[in-house]
Amino acid sequence: MPESVLRYVVRTKESVILDDASAHSSFSDDAYIRNTPARSILCLPLLKQAKLMGVLHVENNLAPGVFTPSKIAVLKVLASQAAIAWENARLYREQEQGRDELQKAQAALAHVARITTLFSLKASHTIRRMNAPVPGFKSTDTTTAIALVAKF
C-alpha cells in the first residue's frame, strides 16, 4: 500500500483517486507506486460522524482510469456502511464486557449478602444468650453483670 497516499487520507480524511499511478503526480515519489505495476489507485477514508475508523485501499494493475464516478459512489456507500458496522461491533463488544462485569459484581454482592445474613444470625443468637437469665444472678447485681460481660 502506498504510504504517502495512506498518510494523506488519514491526515485530511479525504479520498485519493489516482487514475494512472504511473503518471507523474504528487505521490509519484512513493516507493510502492514506483515499484509496483499499480495503474489505478483509490483510497477512501472510512468515516463515521467525521471520525476516522479506517481506510479502504483499492487498486487495479491492468488499466488506468477504472474508478469511474459511479464506481466511486458505490465504494463510498460501502465504506460508510463498513465504518458503521465496525463501530457497531465495537459497541457490542463493550456491551458484552459491561454485562460480564455486572454479573461479577452481582455475584460478589450476593456473597456479601450471604455473609451479612450469617453474621446477623450469629449476632442475634449471641444477644439472646446474653439476655437470658443467669441462674443465681439478680438483675440488680451490677458487679456480677460486669464480671460476666468481661468473660465474653
Protein backbone atom coordinates (compact mmCIF):
# COMPACT_ATOMS: atom_id res chain seq x y z
CA MET A 1 0.00 0.00 0.00
CA PRO A 2 1.41 3.42 -0.86
CA GLU A 3 2.33 5.01 2.47
CA SER A 4 2.21 8.59 1.22
CA VAL A 5 -1.37 8.08 -0.03
CA LEU A 6 -2.38 6.42 3.22
CA ARG A 7 -0.85 9.20 5.35
CA TYR A 8 -2.59 11.84 3.22
CA VAL A 9 -6.01 10.16 3.60
CA VAL A 10 -5.53 9.71 7.36
CA ARG A 11 -4.39 13.32 7.81
CA THR A 12 -7.01 15.02 5.62
CA LYS A 13 -9.85 12.46 5.77
CA GLU A 14 -10.23 12.99 2.02
CA SER A 15 -10.27 10.40 -0.76
CA VAL A 16 -7.35 9.96 -3.15
CA ILE A 17 -8.00 8.80 -6.70
CA LEU A 18 -5.05 8.16 -8.97
CA ASP A 19 -6.35 7.41 -12.46
CA ASP A 20 -2.87 6.48 -13.63
CA ALA A 21 -0.46 5.91 -10.76
CA SER A 22 2.46 5.50 -13.17
CA ALA A 23 1.93 9.08 -14.42
CA HIS A 24 3.56 11.96 -12.60
CA SER A 25 1.57 13.07 -9.51
CA SER A 26 2.19 14.36 -6.01
CA PHE A 27 2.51 10.70 -4.94
CA SER A 28 4.95 9.62 -7.67
CA ASP A 29 7.88 9.52 -5.25
CA ASP A 30 6.22 6.82 -3.11
CA ALA A 31 8.30 3.61 -3.21
CA TYR A 32 5.21 1.43 -3.54
CA ILE A 33 3.96 3.35 -6.58
CA ARG A 34 7.44 3.28 -8.19
CA ASN A 35 7.96 -0.47 -7.56
CA THR A 36 4.53 -1.98 -8.30
CA PRO A 37 2.58 -2.08 -11.51
CA ALA A 38 -0.48 -0.40 -9.94
CA ARG A 39 -2.22 1.71 -12.56
CA SER A 40 -5.41 2.91 -10.85
CA ILE A 41 -5.43 3.54 -7.10
CA LEU A 42 -8.34 4.56 -4.91
CA CYS A 43 -8.00 5.25 -1.19
CA LEU A 44 -11.15 6.17 0.78
CA PRO A 45 -11.43 7.16 4.44
CA LEU A 46 -13.88 5.08 6.49
CA LEU A 47 -15.71 7.80 8.42
CA LYS A 48 -18.50 7.66 10.99
CA GLN A 49 -19.68 11.02 12.26
CA ALA A 50 -16.46 12.65 10.99
CA LYS A 51 -14.34 10.16 12.99
CA LEU A 52 -11.81 8.16 11.00
CA MET A 53 -12.47 4.45 11.54
CA GLY A 54 -10.11 3.09 8.87
CA VAL A 55 -9.07 3.38 5.25
CA LEU A 56 -10.23 1.43 2.19
CA HIS A 57 -7.47 0.90 -0.39
CA VAL A 58 -8.37 -0.48 -3.84
CA GLU A 59 -6.11 -0.73 -6.85
CA ASN A 60 -6.13 -2.09 -10.37
CA ASN A 61 -2.93 -3.22 -12.07
CA LEU A 62 -4.39 -3.61 -15.57
CA ALA A 63 -5.77 -0.28 -16.74
CA PRO A 64 -5.76 3.42 -15.87
CA GLY A 65 -8.98 5.27 -15.03
CA VAL A 66 -11.00 2.26 -13.89
CA PHE A 67 -12.54 4.07 -10.93
CA THR A 68 -15.42 5.91 -12.58
CA PRO A 69 -17.62 8.32 -10.61
CA SER A 70 -20.39 5.68 -10.34
CA LYS A 71 -17.95 3.05 -9.01
CA ILE A 72 -16.53 5.57 -6.55
CA ALA A 73 -20.05 6.43 -5.34
CA VAL A 74 -20.79 2.74 -4.70
CA LEU A 75 -17.47 2.29 -2.89
CA LYS A 76 -18.17 5.36 -0.74
CA VAL A 77 -21.53 3.90 0.32
CA LEU A 78 -19.85 0.57 1.09
CA ALA A 79 -17.10 2.35 3.02
CA SER A 80 -19.71 4.24 5.04
CA GLN A 81 -21.55 1.01 5.84
CA ALA A 82 -18.26 -0.67 6.79
CA ALA A 83 -17.49 2.16 9.23
CA ILE A 84 -20.95 1.84 10.81
CA ALA A 85 -20.62 -1.94 11.09
CA TRP A 86 -17.17 -1.57 12.64
CA GLU A 87 -18.50 0.90 15.22
CA ASN A 88 -21.47 -1.36 15.99
CA ALA A 89 -19.12 -4.30 16.56
CA ARG A 90 -17.05 -2.19 18.97
CA LEU A 91 -20.17 -1.10 20.86
CA TYR A 92 -21.44 -4.68 21.07
CA ARG A 93 -18.07 -5.84 22.44
CA GLU A 94 -18.18 -3.09 25.09
CA GLN A 95 -21.74 -4.08 26.00
CA GLU A 96 -20.66 -7.72 26.43
CA GLN A 97 -17.76 -6.66 28.66
CA GLY A 98 -20.09 -4.46 30.72
CA ARG A 99 -22.54 -7.33 31.14
CA ASP A 100 -19.71 -9.65 32.29
CA GLU A 101 -18.54 -7.06 34.83
CA LEU A 102 -22.12 -6.60 36.07
CA GLN A 103 -22.55 -10.35 36.57
CA LYS A 104 -19.30 -10.49 38.57
CA ALA A 105 -20.42 -7.55 40.71
CA GLN A 106 -23.81 -9.20 41.30
CA ALA A 107 -22.12 -12.46 42.36
CA ALA A 108 -19.86 -10.54 44.78
CA LEU A 109 -22.88 -8.69 46.18
CA ALA A 110 -24.76 -11.95 46.68
CA HIS A 111 -21.73 -13.35 48.54
CA VAL A 112 -21.62 -10.28 50.79
CA ALA A 113 -25.37 -10.63 51.43
CA ARG A 114 -24.93 -14.28 52.48
CA ILE A 115 -22.07 -13.36 54.83
CA THR A 116 -24.10 -10.49 56.28
CA THR A 117 -27.06 -12.80 56.90
CA LEU A 118 -24.87 -15.37 58.64
CA PHE A 119 -23.30 -12.66 60.77
CA SER A 120 -26.73 -11.30 61.70
CA LEU A 121 -27.95 -14.76 62.70
CA LYS A 122 -24.85 -15.38 64.80
CA ALA A 123 -25.12 -11.94 66.44
CA SER A 124 -28.82 -12.48 67.15
CA HIS A 125 -28.09 -15.83 68.78
CA THR A 126 -25.32 -14.30 70.88
CA ILE A 127 -27.54 -11.42 72.00
CA ARG A 128 -30.32 -13.82 73.01
CA ARG A 129 -27.82 -15.84 75.04
CA MET A 130 -26.58 -12.67 76.71
CA ASN A 131 -30.14 -11.61 77.57
CA ALA A 132 -31.05 -14.99 79.04
CA PRO A 133 -31.39 -15.03 82.82
CA VAL A 134 -28.31 -16.29 84.62
CA PRO A 135 -29.08 -18.74 87.41
CA GLY A 136 -28.22 -17.27 90.81
CA PHE A 137 -27.93 -13.73 89.47
CA LYS A 138 -30.18 -10.87 90.46
CA SER A 139 -30.79 -8.13 87.93
CA THR A 140 -29.72 -5.50 90.45
CA ASP A 141 -26.27 -7.05 90.99
CA THR A 142 -24.19 -4.90 88.60
CA THR A 143 -20.80 -6.15 89.80
CA THR A 144 -21.64 -9.70 88.76
CA ALA A 145 -23.02 -8.42 85.41
CA ILE A 146 -19.77 -6.60 84.63
CA ALA A 147 -17.79 -9.72 85.50
CA LEU A 148 -19.97 -11.86 83.21
CA VAL A 149 -19.60 -9.43 80.31
CA ALA A 150 -15.82 -9.47 80.78
CA LYS A 151 -15.87 -13.27 80.31
CA PHE A 152 -17.38 -12.88 76.81
